[in-house]
Amino acid sequence: MLLRNNGNGGHIELREESRLAPDELWAGGPSGSRPEEQTRRQTDEASFAKQLTQTLNKMKLDGEFNKLVLVADPQTLGQMRPILHKTVEAALISSLAKDLTNHSFDEIAKAIG
């Protein structure tokens, strides 16, 4: 889920920008094939992390955001960091290695605030 902060000053007011859905995870791992030592789920998660990172990279290059707070579970965050474009890295003001799936916007705002 991509959220945008509409708050002013130090006030965080999140609204949903878009929801990303994994695309063709069955086609193989993030490098195009699934390593034998990985489970299907691990490969799917790595593929989705790559797709999410590519989306953020494109959004930044298209000028869709200036600053970014990145929140993801520790494993996903670790998979994303090495492939973030340098402009995304420069826009990154904070990152939080925490799974906030199924949390309310208020709970997410509190966690990143």
PDB file of N, CA and C in Angstrom:
ATOM      1  N   MET A   1       0.847  -1.156   0.000  1.00  0.00           N
ATOM      2  CA  MET A   1       0.000   0.000   0.000  1.00  0.00           C
ATOM      3  C   MET A   1       0.904   1.235   0.000  1.00  0.00           C
ATOM      4  N   LEU A   2       0.625   2.171  -0.881  1.00  0.00           N
ATOM      5  CA  LEU A   2       1.350   3.431  -0.909  1.00  0.00           C
ATOM      6  C   LEU A   2       0.470   4.497  -0.290  1.00  0.00           C
ATOM      7  N   LEU A   3       0.997   5.146   0.735  1.00  0.00           N
ATOM      8  CA  LEU A   3       0.256   6.175   1.453  1.00  0.00           C
ATOM      9  C   LEU A   3       0.934   7.515   1.233  1.00  0.00           C
ATOM     10  N   ARG A   4       0.148   8.583   1.241  1.00  0.00           N
ATOM     11  CA  ARG A   4       0.673   9.943   1.122  1.00  0.00           C
ATOM     12  C   ARG A   4       0.282  10.708   2.371  1.00  0.00           C
ATOM     13  N   ASN A   5       1.220  11.515   2.862  1.00  0.00           N
ATOM     14  CA  ASN A   5       0.953  12.334   4.039  1.00  0.00           C
ATOM     15  C   ASN A   5       0.375  13.667   3.583  1.00  0.00           C
ATOM     16  N   ASN A   6      -0.827  13.971   4.035  1.00  0.00           N
ATOM     17  CA  ASN A   6      -1.472  15.250   3.732  1.00  0.00           C
ATOM     18  C   ASN A   6      -1.407  16.197   4.924  1.00  0.00           C
ATOM     19  N   GLY A   7      -0.682  15.803   5.965  1.00  0.00           N
ATOM     20  CA  GLY A   7      -0.593  16.619   7.166  1.00  0.00           C
ATOM     21  C   GLY A   7       0.350  17.798   6.989  1.00  0.00           C
ATOM     22  N   ASN A   8       0.223  18.762   7.883  1.00  0.00           N
ATOM     23  CA  ASN A   8       1.076  19.951   7.891  1.00  0.00           C
ATOM     24  C   ASN A   8       1.970  19.929   9.109  1.00  0.00           C
ATOM     25  N   GLY A   9       3.126  20.588   8.990  1.00  0.00           N
ATOM     26  CA  GLY A   9       4.029  20.653  10.132  1.00  0.00           C
ATOM     27  C   GLY A   9       4.426  19.259  10.575  1.00  0.00           C
ATOM     28  N   GLY A  10       4.287  18.984  11.852  1.00  0.00           N
ATOM     29  CA  GLY A  10       4.615  17.668  12.375  1.00  0.00           C
ATOM     30  C   GLY A  10       3.443  16.711  12.414  1.00  0.00           C
ATOM     31  N   HIS A  11       2.271  17.169  11.956  1.00  0.00           N
ATOM     32  CA  HIS A  11       1.062  16.341  11.992  1.00  0.00           C
ATOM     33  C   HIS A  11       1.038  15.387  10.794  1.00  0.00           C
ATOM     34  N   ILE A  12       0.859  14.106  11.064  1.00  0.00           N
ATOM     35  CA  ILE A  12       0.790  13.101  10.000  1.00  0.00           C
ATOM     36  C   ILE A  12      -0.667  12.757   9.748  1.00  0.00           C
ATOM     37  N   GLU A  13      -1.093  12.936   8.513  1.00  0.00           N
ATOM     38  CA  GLU A  13      -2.452  12.584   8.090  1.00  0.00           C
ATOM     39  C   GLU A  13      -2.331  11.774   6.803  1.00  0.00           C
ATOM     40  N   LEU A  14      -2.454  10.452   6.943  1.00  0.00           N
ATOM     41  CA  LEU A  14      -2.224   9.552   5.815  1.00  0.00           C
ATOM     42  C   LEU A  14      -3.495   9.288   5.018  1.00  0.00           C
ATOM     43  N   ARG A  15      -3.306   9.185   3.717  1.00  0.00           N
ATOM     44  CA  ARG A  15      -4.388   8.729   2.842  1.00  0.00           C
ATOM     45  C   ARG A  15      -3.789   7.743   1.843  1.00  0.00           C
ATOM     46  N   GLU A  16      -4.609   6.804   1.416  1.00  0.00           N
ATOM     47  CA  GLU A  16      -4.133   5.780   0.480  1.00  0.00           C
ATOM     48  C   GLU A  16      -3.948   6.391  -0.902  1.00  0.00           C
ATOM     49  N   GLU A  17      -2.764   6.198  -1.438  1.00  0.00           N
ATOM     50  CA  GLU A  17      -2.428   6.663  -2.782  1.00  0.00           C
ATOM     51  C   GLU A  17      -2.765   5.567  -3.798  1.00  0.00           C
ATOM     52  N   SER A  18      -2.311   4.358  -3.491  1.00  0.00           N
ATOM     53  CA  SER A  18      -2.600   3.216  -4.364  1.00  0.00           C
ATOM     54  C   SER A  18      -2.242   1.922  -3.641  1.00  0.00           C
ATOM     55  N   ARG A  19      -2.730   0.837  -4.210  1.00  0.00           N
ATOM     56  CA  ARG A  19      -2.391  -0.501  -3.714  1.00  0.00           C
ATOM     57  C   ARG A  19      -1.686  -1.230  -4.841  1.00  0.00           C
ATOM     58  N   LEU A  20      -0.552  -1.781  -4.518  1.00  0.00           N
ATOM     59  CA  LEU A  20       0.199  -2.536  -5.510  1.00  0.00           C
ATOM     60  C   LEU A  20      -0.107  -4.012  -5.333  1.00  0.00           C
ATOM     61  N   ALA A  21      -0.340  -4.670  -6.427  1.00  0.00           N
ATOM     62  CA  ALA A  21      -0.582  -6.099  -6.396  1.00  0.00           C
ATOM     63  C   ALA A  21       0.579  -6.795  -7.097  1.00  0.00           C
ATOM     64  N   PRO A  22       1.026  -7.902  -6.553  1.00  0.00           N
ATOM     65  CA  PRO A  22       2.103  -8.634  -7.218  1.00  0.00           C
ATOM     66  C   PRO A  22       1.717  -8.990  -8.643  1.00  0.00           C
ATOM     67  N   ASP A  23       2.682  -8.935  -9.541  1.00  0.00           N
ATOM     68  CA  ASP A  23       2.425  -9.210 -10.943  1.00  0.00           C
ATOM     69  C   ASP A  23       3.271 -10.388 -11.406  1.00  0.00           C
ATOM     70  N   GLU A  24       2.621 -11.439 -11.828  1.00  0.00           N
ATOM     71  CA  GLU A  24       3.272 -12.604 -12.426  1.00  0.00           C
ATOM     72  C   GLU A  24       4.396 -13.175 -11.560  1.00  0.00           C
ATOM     73  N   LEU A  25       4.120 -13.370 -10.290  1.00  0.00           N
ATOM     74  CA  LEU A  25       5.128 -13.956  -9.419  1.00  0.00           C
ATOM     75  C   LEU A  25       5.482 -15.374  -9.848  1.00  0.00           C
ATOM     76  N   TRP A  26       4.556 -16.036 -10.504  1.00  0.00           N
ATOM     77  CA  TRP A  26       4.767 -17.413 -10.944  1.00  0.00           C
ATOM     78  C   TRP A  26       5.861 -17.511 -12.000  1.00  0.00           C
ATOM     79  N   ALA A  27       6.217 -16.386 -12.615  1.00  0.00           N
ATOM     80  CA  ALA A  27       7.171 -16.397 -13.729  1.00  0.00           C
ATOM     81  C   ALA A  27       8.600 -16.666 -13.276  1.00  0.00           C
ATOM     82  N   GLY A  28       8.851 -16.705 -11.988  1.00  0.00           N
ATOM     83  CA  GLY A  28      10.205 -16.957 -11.500  1.00  0.00           C
ATOM     84  C   GLY A  28      10.582 -15.960 -10.445  1.00  0.00           C
ATOM     85  N   GLY A  29      11.758 -16.101  -9.932  1.00  0.00           N
ATOM     86  CA  GLY A  29      12.246 -15.229  -8.870  1.00  0.00           C
ATOM     87  C   GLY A  29      12.599 -13.847  -9.373  1.00  0.00           C
ATOM     88  N   PRO A  30      13.107 -13.006  -8.471  1.00  0.00           N
ATOM     89  CA  PRO A  30      13.437 -11.642  -8.840  1.00  0.00           C
ATOM     90  C   PRO A  30      14.513 -11.565  -9.916  1.00  0.00           C
ATOM     91  N   SER A  31      15.303 -12.623 -10.066  1.00  0.00           N
ATOM     92  CA  SER A  31      16.329 -12.630 -11.109  1.00  0.00           C
ATOM     93  C   SER A  31      15.879 -13.425 -12.332  1.00  0.00           C
ATOM     94  N   GLY A  32      14.629 -13.877 -12.324  1.00  0.00           N
ATOM     95  CA  GLY A  32      14.094 -14.601 -13.474  1.00  0.00           C
ATOM     96  C   GLY A  32      13.978 -16.097 -13.267  1.00  0.00           C
ATOM     97  N   SER A  33      14.581 -16.616 -12.206  1.00  0.00           N
ATOM     98  CA  SER A  33      14.436 -18.040 -11.908  1.00  0.00           C
ATOM     99  C   SER A  33      14.455 -18.217 -10.399  1.00  0.00           C
ATOM    100  N   ARG A  34      13.864 -19.295  -9.949  1.00  0.00           N
ATOM    101  CA  ARG A  34      13.767 -19.536  -8.509  1.00  0.00           C
ATOM    102  C   ARG A  34      14.937 -20.399  -8.054  1.00  0.00           C
ATOM    103  N   PRO A  35      15.723 -19.898  -7.087  1.00  0.00           N
ATOM    104  CA  PRO A  35      16.802 -20.722  -6.545  1.00  0.00           C
ATOM    105  C   PRO A  35      16.242 -21.977  -5.890  1.00  0.00           C
ATOM    106  N   GLU A  36      16.915 -23.074  -6.063  1.00  0.00           N
ATOM    107  CA  GLU A  36      16.430 -24.349  -5.538  1.00  0.00           C
ATOM    108  C   GLU A  36      16.264 -24.337  -4.030  1.00  0.00           C
ATOM    109  N   GLU A  37      17.092 -23.563  -3.311  1.00  0.00           N
ATOM    110  CA  GLU A  37      17.033 -23.569  -1.850  1.00  0.00           C
ATOM    111  C   GLU A  37      15.900 -22.710  -1.296  1.00  0.00           C
ATOM    112  N   GLN A  38      15.198 -21.990  -2.143  1.00  0.00           N
ATOM    113  CA  GLN A  38      14.093 -21.142  -1.684  1.00  0.00           C
ATOM    114  C   GLN A  38      12.750 -21.845  -1.851  1.00  0.00           C
ATOM    115  N   THR A  39      11.857 -21.542  -0.917  1.00  0.00           N
ATOM    116  CA  THR A  39      10.489 -22.015  -1.078  1.00  0.00           C
ATOM    117  C   THR A  39       9.786 -21.110  -2.068  1.00  0.00           C
ATOM    118  N   ARG A  40       8.667 -21.547  -2.560  1.00  0.00           N
ATOM    119  CA  ARG A  40       7.874 -20.745  -3.486  1.00  0.00           C
ATOM    120  C   ARG A  40       7.488 -19.406  -2.838  1.00  0.00           C
ATOM    121  N   ARG A  41       7.112 -19.452  -1.577  1.00  0.00           N
ATOM    122  CA  ARG A  41       6.713 -18.241  -0.861  1.00  0.00           C
ATOM    123  C   ARG A  41       7.882 -17.254  -0.760  1.00  0.00           C
ATOM    124  N   GLN A  42       9.072 -17.747  -0.435  1.00  0.00           N
ATOM    125  CA  GLN A  42      10.242 -16.873  -0.345  1.00  0.00           C
ATOM    126  C   GLN A  42      10.536 -16.204  -1.691  1.00  0.00           C
ATOM    127  N   THR A  43      10.420 -16.979  -2.749  1.00  0.00           N
ATOM    128  CA  THR A  43      10.651 -16.436  -4.087  1.00  0.00           C
ATOM    129  C   THR A  43       9.599 -15.398  -4.435  1.00  0.00           C
ATOM    130  N   ASP A  44       8.343 -15.672  -4.101  1.00  0.00           N
ATOM    131  CA  ASP A  44       7.264 -14.719  -4.364  1.00  0.00           C
ATOM    132  C   ASP A  44       7.493 -13.413  -3.606  1.00  0.00           C
ATOM    133  N   GLU A  45       7.911 -13.531  -2.341  1.00  0.00           N
ATOM    134  CA  GLU A  45       8.153 -12.331  -1.540  1.00  0.00           C
ATOM    135  C   GLU A  45       9.316 -11.518  -2.103  1.00  0.00           C
ATOM    136  N   ALA A  46      10.375 -12.173  -2.533  1.00  0.00           N
ATOM    137  CA  ALA A  46      11.514 -11.477  -3.129  1.00  0.00           C
ATOM    138  C   ALA A  46      11.121 -10.818  -4.452  1.00  0.00           C
ATOM    139  N   SER A  47      10.293 -11.507  -5.231  1.00  0.00           N
ATOM    140  CA  SER A  47       9.827 -10.939  -6.502  1.00  0.00           C
ATOM    141  C   SER A  47       8.965  -9.709  -6.256  1.00  0.00           C
ATOM    142  N   PHE A  48       8.093  -9.773  -5.262  1.00  0.00           N
ATOM    143  CA  PHE A  48       7.247  -8.625  -4.961  1.00  0.00           C
ATOM    144  C   PHE A  48       8.083  -7.456  -4.438  1.00  0.00           C
ATOM    145  N   ALA A  49       9.090  -7.731  -3.620  1.00  0.00           N
ATOM    146  CA  ALA A  49       9.983  -6.672  -3.125  1.00  0.00           C
ATOM    147  C   ALA A  49      10.666  -5.972  -4.296  1.00  0.00           C
ATOM    148  N   LYS A  50      11.083  -6.744  -5.271  1.00  0.00           N
ATOM    149  CA  LYS A  50      11.721  -6.159  -6.466  1.00  0.00           C
ATOM    150  C   LYS A  50      10.718  -5.307  -7.237  1.00  0.00           C
ATOM    151  N   GLN A  51       9.502  -5.815  -7.419  1.00  0.00           N
ATOM    152  CA  GLN A  51       8.481  -5.063  -8.156  1.00  0.00           C
ATOM    153  C   GLN A  51       8.139  -3.768  -7.430  1.00  0.00           C
ATOM    154  N   LEU A  52       8.028  -3.820  -6.108  1.00  0.00           N
ATOM    155  CA  LEU A  52       7.735  -2.629  -5.319  1.00  0.00           C
ATOM    156  C   LEU A  52       8.858  -1.604  -5.470  1.00  0.00           C
ATOM    157  N   THR A  53      10.093  -2.061  -5.386  1.00  0.00           N
ATOM    158  CA  THR A  53      11.237  -1.163  -5.531  1.00  0.00           C
ATOM    159  C   THR A  53      11.258  -0.530  -6.915  1.00  0.00           C
ATOM    160  N   GLN A  54      10.987  -1.302  -7.934  1.00  0.00           N
ATOM    161  CA  GLN A  54      10.946  -0.754  -9.298  1.00  0.00           C
ATOM    162  C   GLN A  54       9.861   0.312  -9.417  1.00  0.00           C
ATOM    163  N   THR A  55       8.727   0.097  -8.776  1.00  0.00           N
ATOM    164  CA  THR A  55       7.647   1.085  -8.786  1.00  0.00           C
ATOM    165  C   THR A  55       8.085   2.368  -8.109  1.00  0.00           C
ATOM    166  N   LEU A  56       8.715   2.260  -6.928  1.00  0.00           N
ATOM    167  CA  LEU A  56       9.201   3.446  -6.226  1.00  0.00           C
ATOM    168  C   LEU A  56      10.261   4.178  -7.038  1.00  0.00           C
ATOM    169  N   ASN A  57      11.158   3.426  -7.657  1.00  0.00           N
ATOM    170  CA  ASN A  57      12.188   4.043  -8.496  1.00  0.00           C
ATOM    171  C   ASN A  57      11.562   4.841  -9.626  1.00  0.00           C
ATOM    172  N   LYS A  58      10.583   4.255 -10.295  1.00  0.00           N
ATOM    173  CA  LYS A  58       9.913   4.937 -11.412  1.00  0.00           C
ATOM    174  C   LYS A  58       9.150   6.169 -10.920  1.00  0.00           C
ATOM    175  N   MET A  59       8.449   6.023  -9.800  1.00  0.00           N
ATOM    176  CA  MET A  59       7.701   7.155  -9.252  1.00  0.00           C
ATOM    177  C   MET A  59       8.631   8.327  -8.948  1.00  0.00           C
ATOM    178  N   LYS A  60       9.783   8.045  -8.359  1.00  0.00           N
ATOM    179  CA  LYS A  60      10.725   9.117  -8.024  1.00  0.00           C
ATOM    180  C   LYS A  60      11.278   9.760  -9.292  1.00  0.00           C
ATOM    181  N   LEU A  61      11.657   8.950 -10.253  1.00  0.00           N
ATOM    182  CA  LEU A  61      12.192   9.484 -11.509  1.00  0.00           C
ATOM    183  C   LEU A  61      11.149  10.288 -12.274  1.00  0.00           C
ATOM    184  N   ASP A  62       9.875   9.961 -12.078  1.00  0.00           N
ATOM    185  CA  ASP A  62       8.774  10.706 -12.705  1.00  0.00           C
ATOM    186  C   ASP A  62       8.360  11.927 -11.874  1.00  0.00           C
ATOM    187  N   GLY A  63       9.028  12.156 -10.745  1.00  0.00           N
ATOM    188  CA  GLY A  63       8.742  13.320  -9.910  1.00  0.00           C
ATOM    189  C   GLY A  63       7.471  13.217  -9.095  1.00  0.00           C
ATOM    190  N   GLU A  64       7.059  12.008  -8.749  1.00  0.00           N
ATOM    191  CA  GLU A  64       5.804  11.824  -8.019  1.00  0.00           C
ATOM    192  C   GLU A  64       5.938  11.993  -6.506  1.00  0.00           C
ATOM    193  N   PHE A  65       7.157  12.069  -5.994  1.00  0.00           N
ATOM    194  CA  PHE A  65       7.357  12.374  -4.580  1.00  0.00           C
ATOM    195  C   PHE A  65       8.734  12.991  -4.382  1.00  0.00           C
ATOM    196  N   ASN A  66       8.853  13.765  -3.287  1.00  0.00           N
ATOM    197  CA  ASN A  66      10.122  14.394  -2.932  1.00  0.00           C
ATOM    198  C   ASN A  66      10.779  13.726  -1.736  1.00  0.00           C
ATOM    199  N   LYS A  67       9.947  13.268  -0.795  1.00  0.00           N
ATOM    200  CA  LYS A  67      10.435  12.628   0.416  1.00  0.00           C
ATOM    201  C   LYS A  67       9.709  11.305   0.594  1.00  0.00           C
ATOM    202  N   LEU A  68      10.394  10.364   1.234  1.00  0.00           N
ATOM    203  CA  LEU A  68       9.830   9.028   1.374  1.00  0.00           C
ATOM    204  C   LEU A  68      10.144   8.460   2.747  1.00  0.00           C
ATOM    205  N   VAL A  69       9.122   7.864   3.362  1.00  0.00           N
ATOM    206  CA  VAL A  69       9.290   7.035   4.544  1.00  0.00           C
ATOM    207  C   VAL A  69       8.943   5.625   4.092  1.00  0.00           C
ATOM    208  N   LEU A  70       9.881   4.724   4.255  1.00  0.00           N
ATOM    209  CA  LEU A  70       9.699   3.356   3.781  1.00  0.00           C
ATOM    210  C   LEU A  70       9.488   2.441   4.969  1.00  0.00           C
ATOM    211  N   VAL A  71       8.341   1.748   4.976  1.00  0.00           N
ATOM    212  CA  VAL A  71       8.007   0.817   6.052  1.00  0.00           C
ATOM    213  C   VAL A  71       7.744  -0.544   5.424  1.00  0.00           C
ATOM    214  N   ALA A  72       8.479  -1.529   5.887  1.00  0.00           N
ATOM    215  CA  ALA A  72       8.292  -2.896   5.393  1.00  0.00           C
ATOM    216  C   ALA A  72       8.858  -3.846   6.430  1.00  0.00           C
ATOM    217  N   ASP A  73       8.429  -5.092   6.362  1.00  0.00           N
ATOM    218  CA  ASP A  73       8.987  -6.076   7.277  1.00  0.00           C
ATOM    219  C   ASP A  73      10.500  -6.150   7.030  1.00  0.00           C
ATOM    220  N   PRO A  74      11.272  -6.555   8.032  1.00  0.00           N
ATOM    221  CA  PRO A  74      12.727  -6.525   7.914  1.00  0.00           C
ATOM    222  C   PRO A  74      13.282  -7.251   6.682  1.00  0.00           C
ATOM    223  N   GLN A  75      12.733  -8.396   6.351  1.00  0.00           N
ATOM    224  CA  GLN A  75      13.240  -9.157   5.208  1.00  0.00           C
ATOM    225  C   GLN A  75      13.002  -8.395   3.907  1.00  0.00           C
ATOM    226  N   THR A  76      11.795  -7.880   3.726  1.00  0.00           N
ATOM    227  CA  THR A  76      11.473  -7.144   2.510  1.00  0.00           C
ATOM    228  C   THR A  76      12.319  -5.886   2.409  1.00  0.00           C
ATOM    229  N   LEU A  77      12.453  -5.174   3.504  1.00  0.00           N
ATOM    230  CA  LEU A  77      13.262  -3.963   3.515  1.00  0.00           C
ATOM    231  C   LEU A  77      14.706  -4.284   3.121  1.00  0.00           C
ATOM    232  N   GLY A  78      15.217  -5.381   3.635  1.00  0.00           N
ATOM    233  CA  GLY A  78      16.577  -5.805   3.281  1.00  0.00           C
ATOM    234  C   GLY A  78      16.727  -6.160   1.812  1.00  0.00           C
ATOM    235  N   GLN A  79      15.671  -6.681   1.205  1.00  0.00           N
ATOM    236  CA  GLN A  79      15.712  -7.015  -0.219  1.00  0.00           C
ATOM    237  C   GLN A  79      15.585  -5.771  -1.088  1.00  0.00           C
ATOM    238  N   MET A  80      14.912  -4.755  -0.569  1.00  0.00           N
ATOM    239  CA  MET A  80      14.679  -3.536  -1.342  1.00  0.00           C
ATOM    240  C   MET A  80      15.890  -2.599  -1.349  1.00  0.00           C
ATOM    241  N   ARG A  81      16.549  -2.472  -0.225  1.00  0.00           N
ATOM    242  CA  ARG A  81      17.629  -1.482  -0.085  1.00  0.00           C
ATOM    243  C   ARG A  81      18.684  -1.537  -1.185  1.00  0.00           C
ATOM    244  N   PRO A  82      19.202  -2.717  -1.544  1.00  0.00           N
ATOM    245  CA  PRO A  82      20.272  -2.739  -2.545  1.00  0.00           C
ATOM    246  C   PRO A  82      19.831  -2.316  -3.952  1.00  0.00           C
ATOM    247  N   ILE A  83      18.524  -2.336  -4.216  1.00  0.00           N
ATOM    248  CA  ILE A  83      18.072  -2.003  -5.573  1.00  0.00           C
ATOM    249  C   ILE A  83      17.305  -0.684  -5.648  1.00  0.00           C
ATOM    250  N   LEU A  84      17.318   0.084  -4.547  1.00  0.00           N
ATOM    251  CA  LEU A  84      16.721   1.420  -4.593  1.00  0.00           C
ATOM    252  C   LEU A  84      17.601   2.328  -5.455  1.00  0.00           C
ATOM    253  N   HIS A  85      16.991   3.087  -6.332  1.00  0.00           N
ATOM    254  CA  HIS A  85      17.722   4.049  -7.148  1.00  0.00           C
ATOM    255  C   HIS A  85      18.316   5.109  -6.233  1.00  0.00           C
ATOM    256  N   LYS A  86      19.442   5.678  -6.623  1.00  0.00           N
ATOM    257  CA  LYS A  86      20.121   6.670  -5.775  1.00  0.00           C
ATOM    258  C   LYS A  86      19.240   7.882  -5.483  1.00  0.00           C
ATOM    259  N   THR A  87      18.328   8.227  -6.395  1.00  0.00           N
ATOM    260  CA  THR A  87      17.431   9.354  -6.138  1.00  0.00           C
ATOM    261  C   THR A  87      16.393   8.999  -5.073  1.00  0.00           C
ATOM    262  N   VAL A  88      15.988   7.742  -5.018  1.00  0.00           N
ATOM    263  CA  VAL A  88      15.065   7.285  -3.979  1.00  0.00           C
ATOM    264  C   VAL A  88      15.797   7.272  -2.636  1.00  0.00           C
ATOM    265  N   GLU A  89      17.016   6.779  -2.638  1.00  0.00           N
ATOM    266  CA  GLU A  89      17.815   6.781  -1.410  1.00  0.00           C
ATOM    267  C   GLU A  89      17.975   8.201  -0.875  1.00  0.00           C
ATOM    268  N   ALA A  90      18.208   9.161  -1.773  1.00  0.00           N
ATOM    269  CA  ALA A  90      18.378  10.559  -1.361  1.00  0.00           C
ATOM    270  C   ALA A  90      17.083  11.134  -0.785  1.00  0.00           C
ATOM    271  N   ALA A  91      15.933  10.660  -1.268  1.00  0.00           N
ATOM    272  CA  ALA A  91      14.631  11.141  -0.796  1.00  0.00           C
ATOM    273  C   ALA A  91      14.186  10.457   0.494  1.00  0.00           C
ATOM    274  N   LEU A  92      14.858   9.376   0.857  1.00  0.00           N
ATOM    275  CA  LEU A  92      14.472   8.579   2.021  1.00  0.00           C
ATOM    276  C   LEU A  92      14.813   9.325   3.309  1.00  0.00           C
ATOM    277  N   ILE A  93      13.762   9.744   4.019  1.00  0.00           N
ATOM    278  CA  ILE A  93      13.985  10.471   5.269  1.00  0.00           C
ATOM    279  C   ILE A  93      13.922   9.546   6.478  1.00  0.00           C
ATOM    280  N   SER A  94      13.326   8.377   6.283  1.00  0.00           N
ATOM    281  CA  SER A  94      13.230   7.409   7.376  1.00  0.00           C
ATOM    282  C   SER A  94      12.823   6.057   6.814  1.00  0.00           C
ATOM    283  N   SER A  95      13.248   5.009   7.495  1.00  0.00           N
ATOM    284  CA  SER A  95      12.765   3.671   7.161  1.00  0.00           C
ATOM    285  C   SER A  95      12.490   2.942   8.466  1.00  0.00           C
ATOM    286  N   LEU A  96      11.512   2.079   8.420  1.00  0.00           N
ATOM    287  CA  LEU A  96      11.100   1.332   9.600  1.00  0.00           C
ATOM    288  C   LEU A  96      10.947  -0.130   9.207  1.00  0.00           C
ATOM    289  N   ALA A  97      11.764  -0.974   9.825  1.00  0.00           N
ATOM    290  CA  ALA A  97      11.718  -2.406   9.548  1.00  0.00           C
ATOM    291  C   ALA A  97      10.678  -3.048  10.454  1.00  0.00           C
ATOM    292  N   LYS A  98       9.423  -2.940  10.038  1.00  0.00           N
ATOM    293  CA  LYS A  98       8.320  -3.459  10.847  1.00  0.00           C
ATOM    294  C   LYS A  98       7.159  -3.823   9.922  1.00  0.00           C
ATOM    295  N   ASP A  99       6.492  -4.912  10.211  1.00  0.00           N
ATOM    296  CA  ASP A  99       5.334  -5.328   9.427  1.00  0.00           C
ATOM    297  C   ASP A  99       4.091  -4.633   9.984  1.00  0.00           C
ATOM    298  N   LEU A 100       3.561  -3.692   9.233  1.00  0.00           N
ATOM    299  CA  LEU A 100       2.354  -2.973   9.645  1.00  0.00           C
ATOM    300  C   LEU A 100       1.157  -3.339   8.771  1.00  0.00           C
ATOM    301  N   THR A 101       1.242  -4.504   8.141  1.00  0.00           N
ATOM    302  CA  THR A 101       0.124  -5.004   7.347  1.00  0.00           C
ATOM    303  C   THR A 101      -1.109  -5.111   8.233  1.00  0.00           C
ATOM    304  N   ASN A 102      -2.228  -4.706   7.707  1.00  0.00           N
ATOM    305  CA  ASN A 102      -3.519  -4.759   8.408  1.00  0.00           C
ATOM    306  C   ASN A 102      -3.603  -3.824   9.617  1.00  0.00           C
ATOM    307  N   HIS A 103      -2.738  -2.824   9.687  1.00  0.00           N
ATOM    308  CA  HIS A 103      -2.829  -1.804  10.726  1.00  0.00           C
ATOM    309  C   HIS A 103      -3.602  -0.609  10.170  1.00  0.00           C
ATOM    310  N   SER A 104      -4.232   0.123  11.052  1.00  0.00           N
ATOM    311  CA  SER A 104      -4.974   1.310  10.619  1.00  0.00           C
ATOM    312  C   SER A 104      -4.005   2.427  10.246  1.00  0.00           C
ATOM    313  N   PHE A 105      -4.507   3.420   9.514  1.00  0.00           N
ATOM    314  CA  PHE A 105      -3.680   4.556   9.142  1.00  0.00           C
ATOM    315  C   PHE A 105      -3.185   5.284  10.387  1.00  0.00           C
ATOM    316  N   ASP A 106      -4.018   5.370  11.419  1.00  0.00           N
ATOM    317  CA  ASP A 106      -3.625   6.009  12.658  1.00  0.00           C
ATOM    318  C   ASP A 106      -2.467   5.249  13.325  1.00  0.00           C
ATOM    319  N   GLU A 107      -2.545   3.925  13.322  1.00  0.00           N
ATOM    320  CA  GLU A 107      -1.473   3.116  13.902  1.00  0.00           C
ATOM    321  C   GLU A 107      -0.180   3.271  13.112  1.00  0.00           C
ATOM    322  N   ILE A 108      -0.293   3.332  11.801  1.00  0.00           N
ATOM    323  CA  ILE A 108       0.894   3.527  10.945  1.00  0.00           C
ATOM    324  C   ILE A 108       1.488   4.906  11.206  1.00  0.00           C
ATOM    325  N   ALA A 109       0.647   5.933  11.276  1.00  0.00           N
ATOM    326  CA  ALA A 109       1.123   7.295  11.532  1.00  0.00           C
ATOM    327  C   ALA A 109       1.847   7.354  12.883  1.00  0.00           C
ATOM    328  N   LYS A 110       1.314   6.684  13.874  1.00  0.00           N
ATOM    329  CA  LYS A 110       1.930   6.674  15.199  1.00  0.00           C
ATOM    330  C   LYS A 110       3.295   5.986  15.140  1.00  0.00           C
ATOM    331  N   ALA A 111       3.394   4.881  14.377  1.00  0.00           N
ATOM    332  CA  ALA A 111       4.647   4.131  14.275  1.00  0.00           C
ATOM    333  C   ALA A 111       5.744   4.935  13.571  1.00  0.00           C
ATOM    334  N   ILE A 112       5.370   5.728  12.582  1.00  0.00           N
ATOM    335  CA  ILE A 112       6.391   6.483  11.842  1.00  0.00           C
ATOM    336  C   ILE A 112       6.612   7.876  12.415  1.00  0.00           C
ATOM    337  N   GLY A 113       5.683   8.341  13.277  1.00  0.00           N
ATOM    338  CA  GLY A 113       5.763   9.691  13.830  1.00  0.00           C
ATOM    339  C   GLY A 113       6.783   9.767  14.878  1.00  0.00           C
TER     340      GLY A 113
END
